[in-house]
């Protein structure tokens, strides 16, 4: 958070607002909380799978 020049409290407040608007999901792993944008995550996963399909079709066609 030092890189962003915001306190932990400020960052938590912003992330909570994103969560309340449905733009992020809070996940707890061990003692830490992480915030994930499901729409962005799904977009990245979809893009990755499209690349894999292209590679597979190129490999199978020689």
C-alpha atoms as a PDB file:
ATOM      1  CA  UNK A   1       0.000   0.000   0.000  1.00  0.00           C
ATOM      2  CA  UNK A   2       3.004   2.233   0.381  1.00  0.00           C
ATOM      3  CA  UNK A   3       3.354   2.269  -3.408  1.00  0.00           C
ATOM      4  CA  UNK A   4      -0.154   3.722  -3.664  1.00  0.00           C
ATOM      5  CA  UNK A   5       0.326   6.255  -0.856  1.00  0.00           C
ATOM      6  CA  UNK A   6      -2.855   5.156   0.936  1.00  0.00           C
ATOM      7  CA  UNK A   7      -3.306   3.733   4.399  1.00  0.00           C
ATOM      8  CA  UNK A   8      -4.607   0.227   5.006  1.00  0.00           C
ATOM      9  CA  UNK A   9      -7.811   1.734   6.398  1.00  0.00           C
ATOM     10  CA  UNK A  10      -8.370   3.817   3.251  1.00  0.00           C
ATOM     11  CA  UNK A  11      -7.693   0.868   0.958  1.00  0.00           C
ATOM     12  CA  UNK A  12     -10.086  -1.325   2.952  1.00  0.00           C
ATOM     13  CA  UNK A  13     -12.756   1.366   2.764  1.00  0.00           C
ATOM     14  CA  UNK A  14     -12.422   1.656  -1.034  1.00  0.00           C
ATOM     15  CA  UNK A  15     -12.461  -2.112  -1.494  1.00  0.00           C
ATOM     16  CA  UNK A  16     -15.525  -2.463   0.738  1.00  0.00           C
ATOM     17  CA  UNK A  17     -17.336   0.106  -1.404  1.00  0.00           C
ATOM     18  CA  UNK A  18     -16.452  -1.858  -4.546  1.00  0.00           C
ATOM     19  CA  UNK A  19     -17.765  -5.003  -2.883  1.00  0.00           C
ATOM     20  CA  UNK A  20     -21.035  -3.335  -1.845  1.00  0.00           C
ATOM     21  CA  UNK A  21     -21.610  -2.276  -5.466  1.00  0.00           C
ATOM     22  CA  UNK A  22     -20.998  -5.819  -6.709  1.00  0.00           C
ATOM     23  CA  UNK A  23     -17.731  -4.955  -8.460  1.00  0.00           C
ATOM     24  CA  UNK A  24     -15.501  -7.092  -6.221  1.00  0.00           C
ATOM     25  CA  UNK A  25     -15.768 -10.118  -3.979  1.00  0.00           C
ATOM     26  CA  UNK A  26     -13.979 -10.424  -0.643  1.00  0.00           C
ATOM     27  CA  UNK A  27     -12.130 -13.695  -0.141  1.00  0.00           C
ATOM     28  CA  UNK A  28     -10.430 -14.737   3.083  1.00  0.00           C
ATOM     29  CA  UNK A  29      -7.381 -16.937   2.852  1.00  0.00           C
ATOM     30  CA  UNK A  30      -5.757 -17.786   6.151  1.00  0.00           C
ATOM     31  CA  UNK A  31      -5.564 -14.425   7.954  1.00  0.00           C
ATOM     32  CA  UNK A  32      -5.554 -12.244   4.860  1.00  0.00           C
ATOM     33  CA  UNK A  33      -8.388 -10.791   2.840  1.00  0.00           C
ATOM     34  CA  UNK A  34      -8.245 -10.537  -0.932  1.00  0.00           C
ATOM     35  CA  UNK A  35     -10.607  -8.731  -3.266  1.00  0.00           C
ATOM     36  CA  UNK A  36     -11.385 -10.155  -6.676  1.00  0.00           C
ATOM     37  CA  UNK A  37     -13.207  -8.658  -9.606  1.00  0.00           C
ATOM     38  CA  UNK A  38     -15.120 -11.669 -10.886  1.00  0.00           C
ATOM     39  CA  UNK A  39     -15.896 -10.018 -14.239  1.00  0.00           C
ATOM     40  CA  UNK A  40     -12.239  -9.207 -14.850  1.00  0.00           C
ATOM     41  CA  UNK A  41     -11.144 -12.646 -13.655  1.00  0.00           C
ATOM     42  CA  UNK A  42     -13.618 -14.382 -15.991  1.00  0.00           C
ATOM     43  CA  UNK A  43     -12.514 -12.177 -18.885  1.00  0.00           C
ATOM     44  CA  UNK A  44      -8.872 -13.084 -18.308  1.00  0.00           C
ATOM     45  CA  UNK A  45      -9.692 -16.784 -17.997  1.00  0.00           C
ATOM     46  CA  UNK A  46     -11.732 -16.658 -21.208  1.00  0.00           C
ATOM     47  CA  UNK A  47      -8.913 -14.921 -23.056  1.00  0.00           C
ATOM     48  CA  UNK A  48      -6.459 -17.538 -21.825  1.00  0.00           C
ATOM     49  CA  UNK A  49      -8.677 -20.383 -23.011  1.00  0.00           C
ATOM     50  CA  UNK A  50      -9.070 -18.787 -26.440  1.00  0.00           C
ATOM     51  CA  UNK A  51      -5.282 -18.704 -26.814  1.00  0.00           C
ATOM     52  CA  UNK A  52      -5.033 -22.352 -25.784  1.00  0.00           C
ATOM     53  CA  UNK A  53      -7.649 -23.331 -28.376  1.00  0.00           C
ATOM     54  CA  UNK A  54      -5.741 -21.481 -31.112  1.00  0.00           C
ATOM     55  CA  UNK A  55      -2.505 -23.184 -30.129  1.00  0.00           C
ATOM     56  CA  UNK A  56      -4.228 -26.587 -30.073  1.00  0.00           C
ATOM     57  CA  UNK A  57      -5.727 -26.053 -33.547  1.00  0.00           C
ATOM     58  CA  UNK A  58      -2.362 -24.926 -34.935  1.00  0.00           C
ATOM     59  CA  UNK A  59      -0.600 -27.937 -33.402  1.00  0.00           C
ATOM     60  CA  UNK A  60      -3.195 -30.392 -34.720  1.00  0.00           C
ATOM     61  CA  UNK A  61      -3.066 -28.905 -38.249  1.00  0.00           C
ATOM     62  CA  UNK A  62       0.710 -29.071 -38.365  1.00  0.00           C
END
